[in-house]
Amino acid sequence: MPLITSVMPKALNDRTKEILKSGLADIMNKVAGKSESWLMIRFHENDTLYFRGAKVEDGAIIDIKLIGSLDTNQKKNLVKEICELYAKETYCNKENIYVTIEEYEGTNWGWNGSTF
């Protein structure tokens, strides 16, 4: 069950959120083999971001948490495709987009009263 949290300094309209949601689902399925039926996405907007000592208006932080592990090439492809998606759909500068990937064992992730 991947969880993707998108943190941005600006608000997104519903159309852009839908495009990002669909794009992230496609990327997670294609690159990581994770089905959209288990994918949760959270948009955190109007947050204050600083990078290199300056306020960032055109950037994002995308945190990915998932059960299991990905190999190095999967991680590189995931980051590349997510950065391209955000640059295209939110007009963020790729240099201001950060992606983190956290991998968990199923016993460290709970859902529906149990763990995976």
PDB file of N, CA and C in Angstrom:
ATOM      1  N   MET A   1       0.846  -1.187   0.000  1.00  0.00           N
ATOM      2  CA  MET A   1       0.000   0.000   0.000  1.00  0.00           C
ATOM      3  C   MET A   1       0.879   1.234   0.000  1.00  0.00           C
ATOM      4  N   PRO A   2       1.218   1.730  -1.155  1.00  0.00           N
ATOM      5  CA  PRO A   2       1.995   2.958  -1.177  1.00  0.00           C
ATOM      6  C   PRO A   2       1.171   4.162  -0.700  1.00  0.00           C
ATOM      7  N   LEU A   3       1.846   5.061  -0.051  1.00  0.00           N
ATOM      8  CA  LEU A   3       1.287   6.358   0.324  1.00  0.00           C
ATOM      9  C   LEU A   3       2.196   7.405  -0.277  1.00  0.00           C
ATOM     10  N   ILE A   4       1.633   8.288  -1.094  1.00  0.00           N
ATOM     11  CA  ILE A   4       2.396   9.385  -1.683  1.00  0.00           C
ATOM     12  C   ILE A   4       1.852  10.684  -1.118  1.00  0.00           C
ATOM     13  N   THR A   5       2.734  11.470  -0.521  1.00  0.00           N
ATOM     14  CA  THR A   5       2.381  12.785  -0.011  1.00  0.00           C
ATOM     15  C   THR A   5       3.082  13.827  -0.864  1.00  0.00           C
ATOM     16  N   SER A   6       2.297  14.708  -1.431  1.00  0.00           N
ATOM     17  CA  SER A   6       2.792  15.778  -2.278  1.00  0.00           C
ATOM     18  C   SER A   6       2.695  17.088  -1.498  1.00  0.00           C
ATOM     19  N   VAL A   7       3.821  17.737  -1.284  1.00  0.00           N
ATOM     20  CA  VAL A   7       3.862  19.003  -0.551  1.00  0.00           C
ATOM     21  C   VAL A   7       4.289  20.094  -1.521  1.00  0.00           C
ATOM     22  N   MET A   8       3.444  21.140  -1.604  1.00  0.00           N
ATOM     23  CA  MET A   8       3.730  22.224  -2.542  1.00  0.00           C
ATOM     24  C   MET A   8       3.438  23.583  -1.912  1.00  0.00           C
ATOM     25  N   PRO A   9       4.110  24.628  -2.395  1.00  0.00           N
ATOM     26  CA  PRO A   9       3.863  25.965  -1.857  1.00  0.00           C
ATOM     27  C   PRO A   9       2.639  26.651  -2.458  1.00  0.00           C
ATOM     28  N   LYS A  10       2.019  26.033  -3.438  1.00  0.00           N
ATOM     29  CA  LYS A  10       0.857  26.651  -4.067  1.00  0.00           C
ATOM     30  C   LYS A  10      -0.336  25.697  -4.028  1.00  0.00           C
ATOM     31  N   ALA A  11      -1.512  26.259  -4.245  1.00  0.00           N
ATOM     32  CA  ALA A  11      -2.731  25.459  -4.292  1.00  0.00           C
ATOM     33  C   ALA A  11      -2.880  24.847  -5.687  1.00  0.00           C
ATOM     34  N   LEU A  12      -3.486  23.677  -5.722  1.00  0.00           N
ATOM     35  CA  LEU A  12      -3.746  22.994  -6.987  1.00  0.00           C
ATOM     36  C   LEU A  12      -5.247  22.931  -7.220  1.00  0.00           C
ATOM     37  N   ASN A  13      -5.646  23.097  -8.461  1.00  0.00           N
ATOM     38  CA  ASN A  13      -7.074  22.954  -8.746  1.00  0.00           C
ATOM     39  C   ASN A  13      -7.414  21.470  -8.877  1.00  0.00           C
ATOM     40  N   ASP A  14      -8.698  21.157  -8.864  1.00  0.00           N
ATOM     41  CA  ASP A  14      -9.142  19.765  -8.892  1.00  0.00           C
ATOM     42  C   ASP A  14      -8.684  19.039 -10.151  1.00  0.00           C
ATOM     43  N   ARG A  15      -8.676  19.721 -11.270  1.00  0.00           N
ATOM     44  CA  ARG A  15      -8.237  19.096 -12.527  1.00  0.00           C
ATOM     45  C   ARG A  15      -6.772  18.672 -12.429  1.00  0.00           C
ATOM     46  N   THR A  16      -5.921  19.542 -11.902  1.00  0.00           N
ATOM     47  CA  THR A  16      -4.501  19.213 -11.766  1.00  0.00           C
ATOM     48  C   THR A  16      -4.304  18.071 -10.777  1.00  0.00           C
ATOM     49  N   LYS A  17      -5.052  18.078  -9.682  1.00  0.00           N
ATOM     50  CA  LYS A  17      -4.949  16.967  -8.726  1.00  0.00           C
ATOM     51  C   LYS A  17      -5.329  15.642  -9.378  1.00  0.00           C
ATOM     52  N   GLU A  18      -6.367  15.662 -10.181  1.00  0.00           N
ATOM     53  CA  GLU A  18      -6.799  14.435 -10.869  1.00  0.00           C
ATOM     54  C   GLU A  18      -5.727  13.952 -11.845  1.00  0.00           C
ATOM     55  N   ILE A  19      -5.117  14.877 -12.573  1.00  0.00           N
ATOM     56  CA  ILE A  19      -4.045  14.527 -13.503  1.00  0.00           C
ATOM     57  C   ILE A  19      -2.854  13.948 -12.748  1.00  0.00           C
ATOM     58  N   LEU A  20      -2.468  14.589 -11.650  1.00  0.00           N
ATOM     59  CA  LEU A  20      -1.358  14.085 -10.843  1.00  0.00           C
ATOM     60  C   LEU A  20      -1.689  12.717 -10.252  1.00  0.00           C
ATOM     61  N   LYS A  21      -2.909  12.561  -9.739  1.00  0.00           N
ATOM     62  CA  LYS A  21      -3.329  11.286  -9.155  1.00  0.00           C
ATOM     63  C   LYS A  21      -3.221  10.166 -10.180  1.00  0.00           C
ATOM     64  N   SER A  22      -3.757  10.400 -11.362  1.00  0.00           N
ATOM     65  CA  SER A  22      -3.702   9.389 -12.418  1.00  0.00           C
ATOM     66  C   SER A  22      -2.269   9.125 -12.868  1.00  0.00           C
ATOM     67  N   GLY A  23      -1.498  10.184 -13.011  1.00  0.00           N
ATOM     68  CA  GLY A  23      -0.099  10.035 -13.415  1.00  0.00           C
ATOM     69  C   GLY A  23       0.723   9.274 -12.395  1.00  0.00           C
ATOM     70  N   LEU A  24       0.543   9.606 -11.112  1.00  0.00           N
ATOM     71  CA  LEU A  24       1.268   8.901 -10.056  1.00  0.00           C
ATOM     72  C   LEU A  24       0.870   7.430 -10.015  1.00  0.00           C
ATOM     73  N   ALA A  25      -0.412   7.150 -10.190  1.00  0.00           N
ATOM     74  CA  ALA A  25      -0.881   5.760 -10.202  1.00  0.00           C
ATOM     75  C   ALA A  25      -0.243   4.994 -11.356  1.00  0.00           C
ATOM     76  N   ASP A  26      -0.207   5.601 -12.526  1.00  0.00           N
ATOM     77  CA  ASP A  26       0.403   4.952 -13.689  1.00  0.00           C
ATOM     78  C   ASP A  26       1.891   4.687 -13.457  1.00  0.00           C
ATOM     79  N   ILE A  27       2.581   5.668 -12.910  1.00  0.00           N
ATOM     80  CA  ILE A  27       4.016   5.531 -12.650  1.00  0.00           C
ATOM     81  C   ILE A  27       4.266   4.429 -11.626  1.00  0.00           C
ATOM     82  N   MET A  28       3.510   4.428 -10.535  1.00  0.00           N
ATOM     83  CA  MET A  28       3.712   3.415  -9.496  1.00  0.00           C
ATOM     84  C   MET A  28       3.437   2.014 -10.031  1.00  0.00           C
ATOM     85  N   ASN A  29       2.441   1.884 -10.892  1.00  0.00           N
ATOM     86  CA  ASN A  29       2.124   0.577 -11.464  1.00  0.00           C
ATOM     87  C   ASN A  29       3.218   0.132 -12.433  1.00  0.00           C
ATOM     88  N   LYS A  30       3.607   1.043 -13.336  1.00  0.00           N
ATOM     89  CA  LYS A  30       4.578   0.717 -14.374  1.00  0.00           C
ATOM     90  C   LYS A  30       5.971   0.454 -13.801  1.00  0.00           C
ATOM     91  N   VAL A  31       6.416   1.313 -12.902  1.00  0.00           N
ATOM     92  CA  VAL A  31       7.794   1.239 -12.410  1.00  0.00           C
ATOM     93  C   VAL A  31       7.939   0.314 -11.199  1.00  0.00           C
ATOM     94  N   ALA A  32       6.968   0.389 -10.279  1.00  0.00           N
ATOM     95  CA  ALA A  32       7.112  -0.346  -9.018  1.00  0.00           C
ATOM     96  C   ALA A  32       6.183  -1.554  -8.906  1.00  0.00           C
ATOM     97  N   GLY A  33       5.295  -1.728  -9.872  1.00  0.00           N
ATOM     98  CA  GLY A  33       4.370  -2.849  -9.808  1.00  0.00           C
ATOM     99  C   GLY A  33       3.338  -2.723  -8.706  1.00  0.00           C
ATOM    100  N   LYS A  34       3.035  -1.480  -8.294  1.00  0.00           N
ATOM    101  CA  LYS A  34       2.071  -1.222  -7.225  1.00  0.00           C
ATOM    102  C   LYS A  34       0.753  -0.765  -7.831  1.00  0.00           C
ATOM    103  N   SER A  35      -0.310  -1.491  -7.537  1.00  0.00           N
ATOM    104  CA  SER A  35      -1.628  -1.232  -8.106  1.00  0.00           C
ATOM    105  C   SER A  35      -2.291  -0.004  -7.495  1.00  0.00           C
ATOM    106  N   GLU A  36      -3.049   0.706  -8.326  1.00  0.00           N
ATOM    107  CA  GLU A  36      -3.787   1.871  -7.834  1.00  0.00           C
ATOM    108  C   GLU A  36      -4.815   1.483  -6.773  1.00  0.00           C
ATOM    109  N   SER A  37      -5.274   0.235  -6.796  1.00  0.00           N
ATOM    110  CA  SER A  37      -6.285  -0.182  -5.821  1.00  0.00           C
ATOM    111  C   SER A  37      -5.749  -0.144  -4.390  1.00  0.00           C
ATOM    112  N   TRP A  38      -4.432  -0.069  -4.218  1.00  0.00           N
ATOM    113  CA  TRP A  38      -3.833   0.044  -2.886  1.00  0.00           C
ATOM    114  C   TRP A  38      -3.123   1.377  -2.675  1.00  0.00           C
ATOM    115  N   LEU A  39      -3.194   2.271  -3.626  1.00  0.00           N
ATOM    116  CA  LEU A  39      -2.458   3.531  -3.571  1.00  0.00           C
ATOM    117  C   LEU A  39      -3.268   4.625  -2.881  1.00  0.00           C
ATOM    118  N   MET A  40      -2.637   5.303  -1.925  1.00  0.00           N
ATOM    119  CA  MET A  40      -3.243   6.474  -1.292  1.00  0.00           C
ATOM    120  C   MET A  40      -2.369   7.684  -1.608  1.00  0.00           C
ATOM    121  N   ILE A  41      -3.008   8.776  -1.988  1.00  0.00           N
ATOM    122  CA  ILE A  41      -2.289  10.005  -2.326  1.00  0.00           C
ATOM    123  C   ILE A  41      -2.858  11.138  -1.491  1.00  0.00           C
ATOM    124  N   ARG A  42      -1.952  11.916  -0.933  1.00  0.00           N
ATOM    125  CA  ARG A  42      -2.354  13.069  -0.110  1.00  0.00           C
ATOM    126  C   ARG A  42      -1.694  14.322  -0.690  1.00  0.00           C
ATOM    127  N   PHE A  43      -2.502  15.347  -0.935  1.00  0.00           N
ATOM    128  CA  PHE A  43      -1.978  16.624  -1.418  1.00  0.00           C
ATOM    129  C   PHE A  43      -1.948  17.613  -0.259  1.00  0.00           C
ATOM    130  N   HIS A  44      -0.765  18.116   0.026  1.00  0.00           N
ATOM    131  CA  HIS A  44      -0.584  19.131   1.064  1.00  0.00           C
ATOM    132  C   HIS A  44      -0.164  20.407   0.337  1.00  0.00           C
ATOM    133  N   GLU A  45      -1.041  21.406   0.371  1.00  0.00           N
ATOM    134  CA  GLU A  45      -0.823  22.614  -0.427  1.00  0.00           C
ATOM    135  C   GLU A  45      -0.585  23.841   0.445  1.00  0.00           C
ATOM    136  N   ASN A  46      -0.138  24.896  -0.199  1.00  0.00           N
ATOM    137  CA  ASN A  46       0.107  26.185   0.455  1.00  0.00           C
ATOM    138  C   ASN A  46       1.088  26.059   1.613  1.00  0.00           C
ATOM    139  N   ASP A  47       2.062  25.187   1.459  1.00  0.00           N
ATOM    140  CA  ASP A  47       3.092  25.012   2.479  1.00  0.00           C
ATOM    141  C   ASP A  47       4.266  25.932   2.142  1.00  0.00           C
ATOM    142  N   THR A  48       5.035  26.276   3.129  1.00  0.00           N
ATOM    143  CA  THR A  48       6.203  27.121   2.912  1.00  0.00           C
ATOM    144  C   THR A  48       7.425  26.232   2.734  1.00  0.00           C
ATOM    145  N   LEU A  49       8.112  26.389   1.612  1.00  0.00           N
ATOM    146  CA  LEU A  49       9.323  25.626   1.332  1.00  0.00           C
ATOM    147  C   LEU A  49      10.488  26.584   1.143  1.00  0.00           C
ATOM    148  N   TYR A  50      11.637  26.210   1.678  1.00  0.00           N
ATOM    149  CA  TYR A  50      12.870  26.955   1.473  1.00  0.00           C
ATOM    150  C   TYR A  50      13.924  26.000   0.939  1.00  0.00           C
ATOM    151  N   PHE A  51      14.726  26.483   0.008  1.00  0.00           N
ATOM    152  CA  PHE A  51      15.835  25.706  -0.535  1.00  0.00           C
ATOM    153  C   PHE A  51      16.964  26.666  -0.841  1.00  0.00           C
ATOM    154  N   ARG A  52      18.163  26.310  -0.410  1.00  0.00           N
ATOM    155  CA  ARG A  52      19.348  27.151  -0.604  1.00  0.00           C
ATOM    156  C   ARG A  52      19.156  28.525   0.014  1.00  0.00           C
ATOM    157  N   GLY A  53      18.392  28.573   1.104  1.00  0.00           N
ATOM    158  CA  GLY A  53      18.178  29.808   1.836  1.00  0.00           C
ATOM    159  C   GLY A  53      17.112  30.723   1.265  1.00  0.00           C
ATOM    160  N   ALA A  54      16.477  30.308   0.184  1.00  0.00           N
ATOM    161  CA  ALA A  54      15.469  31.162  -0.457  1.00  0.00           C
ATOM    162  C   ALA A  54      14.111  30.457  -0.469  1.00  0.00           C
ATOM    163  N   LYS A  55      13.072  31.254  -0.401  1.00  0.00           N
ATOM    164  CA  LYS A  55      11.721  30.724  -0.475  1.00  0.00           C
ATOM    165  C   LYS A  55      11.469  30.146  -1.862  1.00  0.00           C
ATOM    166  N   VAL A  56      10.854  28.980  -1.905  1.00  0.00           N
ATOM    167  CA  VAL A  56      10.574  28.294  -3.170  1.00  0.00           C
ATOM    168  C   VAL A  56       9.102  28.458  -3.514  1.00  0.00           C
ATOM    169  N   GLU A  57       8.835  29.007  -4.679  1.00  0.00           N
ATOM    170  CA  GLU A  57       7.455  29.176  -5.151  1.00  0.00           C
ATOM    171  C   GLU A  57       7.084  28.129  -6.191  1.00  0.00           C
ATOM    172  N   ASP A  58       8.092  27.511  -6.817  1.00  0.00           N
ATOM    173  CA  ASP A  58       7.833  26.589  -7.917  1.00  0.00           C
ATOM    174  C   ASP A  58       8.516  25.236  -7.683  1.00  0.00           C
ATOM    175  N   GLY A  59       8.232  24.622  -6.544  1.00  0.00           N
ATOM    176  CA  GLY A  59       8.853  23.351  -6.219  1.00  0.00           C
ATOM    177  C   GLY A  59       7.890  22.411  -5.528  1.00  0.00           C
ATOM    178  N   ALA A  60       8.393  21.246  -5.182  1.00  0.00           N
ATOM    179  CA  ALA A  60       7.561  20.251  -4.513  1.00  0.00           C
ATOM    180  C   ALA A  60       8.442  19.252  -3.776  1.00  0.00           C
ATOM    181  N   ILE A  61       7.854  18.660  -2.762  1.00  0.00           N
ATOM    182  CA  ILE A  61       8.441  17.512  -2.086  1.00  0.00           C
ATOM    183  C   ILE A  61       7.442  16.381  -2.236  1.00  0.00           C
ATOM    184  N   ILE A  62       7.896  15.274  -2.778  1.00  0.00           N
ATOM    185  CA  ILE A  62       7.030  14.114  -2.939  1.00  0.00           C
ATOM    186  C   ILE A  62       7.616  12.989  -2.110  1.00  0.00           C
ATOM    187  N   ASP A  63       6.904  12.604  -1.060  1.00  0.00           N
ATOM    188  CA  ASP A  63       7.331  11.519  -0.179  1.00  0.00           C
ATOM    189  C   ASP A  63       6.569  10.262  -0.544  1.00  0.00           C
ATOM    190  N   ILE A  64       7.303   9.186  -0.785  1.00  0.00           N
ATOM    191  CA  ILE A  64       6.690   7.906  -1.128  1.00  0.00           C
ATOM    192  C   ILE A  64       7.030   6.910  -0.030  1.00  0.00           C
ATOM    193  N   LYS A  65       6.010   6.299   0.538  1.00  0.00           N
ATOM    194  CA  LYS A  65       6.186   5.226   1.516  1.00  0.00           C
ATOM    195  C   LYS A  65       5.547   3.983   0.922  1.00  0.00           C
ATOM    196  N   LEU A  66       6.257   2.858   1.002  1.00  0.00           N
ATOM    197  CA  LEU A  66       5.701   1.642   0.431  1.00  0.00           C
ATOM    198  C   LEU A  66       6.186   0.407   1.171  1.00  0.00           C
ATOM    199  N   ILE A  67       5.407  -0.651   1.035  1.00  0.00           N
ATOM    200  CA  ILE A  67       5.778  -1.938   1.602  1.00  0.00           C
ATOM    201  C   ILE A  67       6.637  -2.654   0.579  1.00  0.00           C
ATOM    202  N   GLY A  68       7.729  -3.216   1.036  1.00  0.00           N
ATOM    203  CA  GLY A  68       8.653  -3.912   0.149  1.00  0.00           C
ATOM    204  C   GLY A  68       9.814  -3.022  -0.229  1.00  0.00           C
ATOM    205  N   SER A  69      10.552  -3.448  -1.236  1.00  0.00           N
ATOM    206  CA  SER A  69      11.711  -2.660  -1.653  1.00  0.00           C
ATOM    207  C   SER A  69      11.794  -2.618  -3.174  1.00  0.00           C
ATOM    208  N   LEU A  70      12.433  -1.575  -3.647  1.00  0.00           N
ATOM    209  CA  LEU A  70      12.660  -1.375  -5.066  1.00  0.00           C
ATOM    210  C   LEU A  70      14.155  -1.438  -5.327  1.00  0.00           C
ATOM    211  N   ASP A  71      14.532  -1.860  -6.530  1.00  0.00           N
ATOM    212  CA  ASP A  71      15.956  -1.851  -6.844  1.00  0.00           C
ATOM    213  C   ASP A  71      16.363  -0.445  -7.282  1.00  0.00           C
ATOM    214  N   THR A  72      17.638  -0.258  -7.457  1.00  0.00           N
ATOM    215  CA  THR A  72      18.174   1.069  -7.782  1.00  0.00           C
ATOM    216  C   THR A  72      17.585   1.631  -9.070  1.00  0.00           C
ATOM    217  N   ASN A  73      17.462   0.812 -10.103  1.00  0.00           N
ATOM    218  CA  ASN A  73      16.899   1.298 -11.372  1.00  0.00           C
ATOM    219  C   ASN A  73      15.439   1.690 -11.223  1.00  0.00           C
ATOM    220  N   GLN A  74      14.661   0.925 -10.458  1.00  0.00           N
ATOM    221  CA  GLN A  74      13.268   1.287 -10.212  1.00  0.00           C
ATOM    222  C   GLN A  74      13.185   2.642  -9.523  1.00  0.00           C
ATOM    223  N   LYS A  75      14.034   2.856  -8.538  1.00  0.00           N
ATOM    224  CA  LYS A  75      14.030   4.134  -7.819  1.00  0.00           C
ATOM    225  C   LYS A  75      14.401   5.288  -8.741  1.00  0.00           C
ATOM    226  N   LYS A  76      15.417   5.107  -9.560  1.00  0.00           N
ATOM    227  CA  LYS A  76      15.820   6.157 -10.500  1.00  0.00           C
ATOM    228  C   LYS A  76      14.692   6.480 -11.472  1.00  0.00           C
ATOM    229  N   ASN A  77      14.053   5.443 -12.019  1.00  0.00           N
ATOM    230  CA  ASN A  77      12.945   5.662 -12.950  1.00  0.00           C
ATOM    231  C   ASN A  77      11.754   6.322 -12.272  1.00  0.00           C
ATOM    232  N   LEU A  78      11.463   5.915 -11.036  1.00  0.00           N
ATOM    233  CA  LEU A  78      10.370   6.509 -10.277  1.00  0.00           C
ATOM    234  C   LEU A  78      10.605   8.002 -10.093  1.00  0.00           C
ATOM    235  N   VAL A  79      11.785   8.362  -9.650  1.00  0.00           N
ATOM    236  CA  VAL A  79      12.123   9.773  -9.432  1.00  0.00           C
ATOM    237  C   VAL A  79      12.081  10.551 -10.740  1.00  0.00           C
ATOM    238  N   LYS A  80      12.657  10.000 -11.790  1.00  0.00           N
ATOM    239  CA  LYS A  80      12.674  10.678 -13.096  1.00  0.00           C
ATOM    240  C   LYS A  80      11.255  10.953 -13.591  1.00  0.00           C
ATOM    241  N   GLU A  81      10.413   9.939 -13.559  1.00  0.00           N
ATOM    242  CA  GLU A  81       9.058  10.103 -14.093  1.00  0.00           C
ATOM    243  C   GLU A  81       8.196  11.018 -13.227  1.00  0.00           C
ATOM    244  N   ILE A  82       8.358  10.960 -11.927  1.00  0.00           N
ATOM    245  CA  ILE A  82       7.591  11.844 -11.046  1.00  0.00           C
ATOM    246  C   ILE A  82       8.032  13.295 -11.248  1.00  0.00           C
ATOM    247  N   CYS A  83       9.315  13.533 -11.349  1.00  0.00           N
ATOM    248  CA  CYS A  83       9.798  14.900 -11.587  1.00  0.00           C
ATOM    249  C   CYS A  83       9.280  15.436 -12.917  1.00  0.00           C
ATOM    250  N   GLU A  84       9.271  14.598 -13.944  1.00  0.00           N
ATOM    251  CA  GLU A  84       8.744  15.031 -15.243  1.00  0.00           C
ATOM    252  C   GLU A  84       7.250  15.333 -15.159  1.00  0.00           C
ATOM    253  N   LEU A  85       6.496  14.491 -14.459  1.00  0.00           N
ATOM    254  CA  LEU A  85       5.055  14.714 -14.291  1.00  0.00           C
ATOM    255  C   LEU A  85       4.796  16.046 -13.593  1.00  0.00           C
ATOM    256  N   TYR A  86       5.486  16.296 -12.489  1.00  0.00           N
ATOM    257  CA  TYR A  86       5.261  17.532 -11.732  1.00  0.00           C
ATOM    258  C   TYR A  86       5.728  18.755 -12.503  1.00  0.00           C
ATOM    259  N   ALA A  87       6.840  18.656 -13.205  1.00  0.00           N
ATOM    260  CA  ALA A  87       7.317  19.795 -14.001  1.00  0.00           C
ATOM    261  C   ALA A  87       6.300  20.148 -15.084  1.00  0.00           C
ATOM    262  N   LYS A  88       5.740  19.132 -15.722  1.00  0.00           N
ATOM    263  CA  LYS A  88       4.786  19.368 -16.799  1.00  0.00           C
ATOM    264  C   LYS A  88       3.448  19.894 -16.284  1.00  0.00           C
ATOM    265  N   GLU A  89       2.915  19.291 -15.245  1.00  0.00           N
ATOM    266  CA  GLU A  89       1.552  19.592 -14.809  1.00  0.00           C
ATOM    267  C   GLU A  89       1.441  20.725 -13.792  1.00  0.00           C
ATOM    268  N   THR A  90       2.515  21.007 -13.056  1.00  0.00           N
ATOM    269  CA  THR A  90       2.446  22.072 -12.043  1.00  0.00           C
ATOM    270  C   THR A  90       3.419  23.206 -12.342  1.00  0.00           C
ATOM    271  N   TYR A  91       4.162  23.080 -13.438  1.00  0.00           N
ATOM    272  CA  TYR A  91       5.134  24.088 -13.850  1.00  0.00           C
ATOM    273  C   TYR A  91       6.211  24.318 -12.805  1.00  0.00           C
ATOM    274  N   CYS A  92       6.525  23.279 -12.046  1.00  0.00           N
ATOM    275  CA  CYS A  92       7.622  23.365 -11.078  1.00  0.00           C
ATOM    276  C   CYS A  92       8.956  23.238 -11.808  1.00  0.00           C
ATOM    277  N   ASN A  93       9.938  23.919 -11.291  1.00  0.00           N
ATOM    278  CA  ASN A  93      11.296  23.778 -11.776  1.00  0.00           C
ATOM    279  C   ASN A  93      11.823  22.433 -11.269  1.00  0.00           C
ATOM    280  N   LYS A  94      12.305  21.566 -12.160  1.00  0.00           N
ATOM    281  CA  LYS A  94      12.804  20.249 -11.744  1.00  0.00           C
ATOM    282  C   LYS A  94      13.878  20.351 -10.668  1.00  0.00           C
ATOM    283  N   GLU A  95      14.639  21.432 -10.693  1.00  0.00           N
ATOM    284  CA  GLU A  95      15.694  21.613  -9.692  1.00  0.00           C
ATOM    285  C   GLU A  95      15.131  21.842  -8.295  1.00  0.00           C
ATOM    286  N   ASN A  96      13.839  22.122  -8.207  1.00  0.00           N
ATOM    287  CA  ASN A  96      13.196  22.364  -6.914  1.00  0.00           C
ATOM    288  C   ASN A  96      12.220  21.250  -6.538  1.00  0.00           C
ATOM    289  N   ILE A  97      12.358  20.091  -7.157  1.00  0.00           N
ATOM    290  CA  ILE A  97      11.495  18.956  -6.843  1.00  0.00           C
ATOM    291  C   ILE A  97      12.335  17.883  -6.163  1.00  0.00           C
ATOM    292  N   TYR A  98      11.920  17.524  -4.966  1.00  0.00           N
ATOM    293  CA  TYR A  98      12.585  16.458  -4.219  1.00  0.00           C
ATOM    294  C   TYR A  98      11.646  15.280  -4.074  1.00  0.00           C
ATOM    295  N   VAL A  99      12.187  14.079  -4.219  1.00  0.00           N
ATOM    296  CA  VAL A  99      11.415  12.851  -4.043  1.00  0.00           C
ATOM    297  C   VAL A  99      12.143  11.996  -3.015  1.00  0.00           C
ATOM    298  N   THR A 100      11.403  11.555  -2.000  1.00  0.00           N
ATOM    299  CA  THR A 100      11.970  10.623  -1.028  1.00  0.00           C
ATOM    300  C   THR A 100      11.214   9.300  -1.133  1.00  0.00           C
ATOM    301  N   ILE A 101      11.927   8.216  -0.878  1.00  0.00           N
ATOM    302  CA  ILE A 101      11.338   6.881  -0.928  1.00  0.00           C
ATOM    303  C   ILE A 101      11.671   6.170   0.377  1.00  0.00           C
ATOM    304  N   GLU A 102      10.634   5.766   1.102  1.00  0.00           N
ATOM    305  CA  GLU A 102      10.806   5.007   2.337  1.00  0.00           C
ATOM    306  C   GLU A 102      10.196   3.627   2.147  1.00  0.00           C
ATOM    307  N   GLU A 103      10.970   2.605   2.475  1.00  0.00           N
ATOM    308  CA  GLU A 103      10.520   1.230   2.301  1.00  0.00           C
ATOM    309  C   GLU A 103      10.278   0.594   3.676  1.00  0.00           C
ATOM    310  N   TYR A 104       9.168  -0.126   3.776  1.00  0.00           N
ATOM    311  CA  TYR A 104       8.754  -0.729   5.038  1.00  0.00           C
ATOM    312  C   TYR A 104       8.505  -2.223   4.876  1.00  0.00           C
ATOM    313  N   GLU A 105       8.715  -2.952   5.952  1.00  0.00           N
ATOM    314  CA  GLU A 105       8.251  -4.339   6.018  1.00  0.00           C
ATOM    315  C   GLU A 105       6.751  -4.294   6.276  1.00  0.00           C
ATOM    316  N   GLY A 106       6.046  -5.294   5.815  1.00  0.00           N
ATOM    317  CA  GLY A 106       4.598  -5.332   5.995  1.00  0.00           C
ATOM    318  C   GLY A 106       4.157  -5.273   7.439  1.00  0.00           C
ATOM    319  N   THR A 107       4.973  -5.778   8.341  1.00  0.00           N
ATOM    320  CA  THR A 107       4.603  -5.755   9.758  1.00  0.00           C
ATOM    321  C   THR A 107       4.672  -4.355  10.351  1.00  0.00           C
ATOM    322  N   ASN A 108       5.253  -3.419   9.634  1.00  0.00           N
ATOM    323  CA  ASN A 108       5.353  -2.033  10.091  1.00  0.00           C
ATOM    324  C   ASN A 108       4.304  -1.132   9.460  1.00  0.00           C
ATOM    325  N   TRP A 109       3.303  -1.730   8.824  1.00  0.00           N
ATOM    326  CA  TRP A 109       2.268  -0.954   8.155  1.00  0.00           C
ATOM    327  C   TRP A 109       0.920  -1.565   8.516  1.00  0.00           C
ATOM    328  N   GLY A 110       0.048  -0.745   9.083  1.00  0.00           N
ATOM    329  CA  GLY A 110      -1.253  -1.240   9.497  1.00  0.00           C
ATOM    330  C   GLY A 110      -2.380  -0.773   8.605  1.00  0.00           C
ATOM    331  N   TRP A 111      -3.413  -1.617   8.514  1.00  0.00           N
ATOM    332  CA  TRP A 111      -4.609  -1.297   7.757  1.00  0.00           C
ATOM    333  C   TRP A 111      -5.726  -2.232   8.189  1.00  0.00           C
ATOM    334  N   ASN A 112      -6.906  -1.706   8.336  1.00  0.00           N
ATOM    335  CA  ASN A 112      -8.095  -2.497   8.604  1.00  0.00           C
ATOM    336  C   ASN A 112      -7.943  -3.369   9.853  1.00  0.00           C
ATOM    337  N   GLY A 113      -7.296  -2.831  10.866  1.00  0.00           N
ATOM    338  CA  GLY A 113      -7.164  -3.521  12.143  1.00  0.00           C
ATOM    339  C   GLY A 113      -6.052  -4.545  12.222  1.00  0.00           C
ATOM    340  N   SER A 114      -5.169  -4.603  11.217  1.00  0.00           N
ATOM    341  CA  SER A 114      -4.081  -5.565  11.225  1.00  0.00           C
ATOM    342  C   SER A 114      -2.882  -4.961  10.504  1.00  0.00           C
ATOM    343  N   THR A 115      -1.855  -5.761  10.304  1.00  0.00           N
ATOM    344  CA  THR A 115      -0.695  -5.324   9.530  1.00  0.00           C
ATOM    345  C   THR A 115      -0.587  -6.202   8.292  1.00  0.00           C
ATOM    346  N   PHE A 116       0.247  -5.755   7.389  1.00  0.00           N
ATOM    347  CA  PHE A 116       0.458  -6.527   6.169  1.00  0.00           C
ATOM    348  C   PHE A 116       1.507  -7.573   6.421  1.00  0.00           C
TER     349      PHE A 116
END
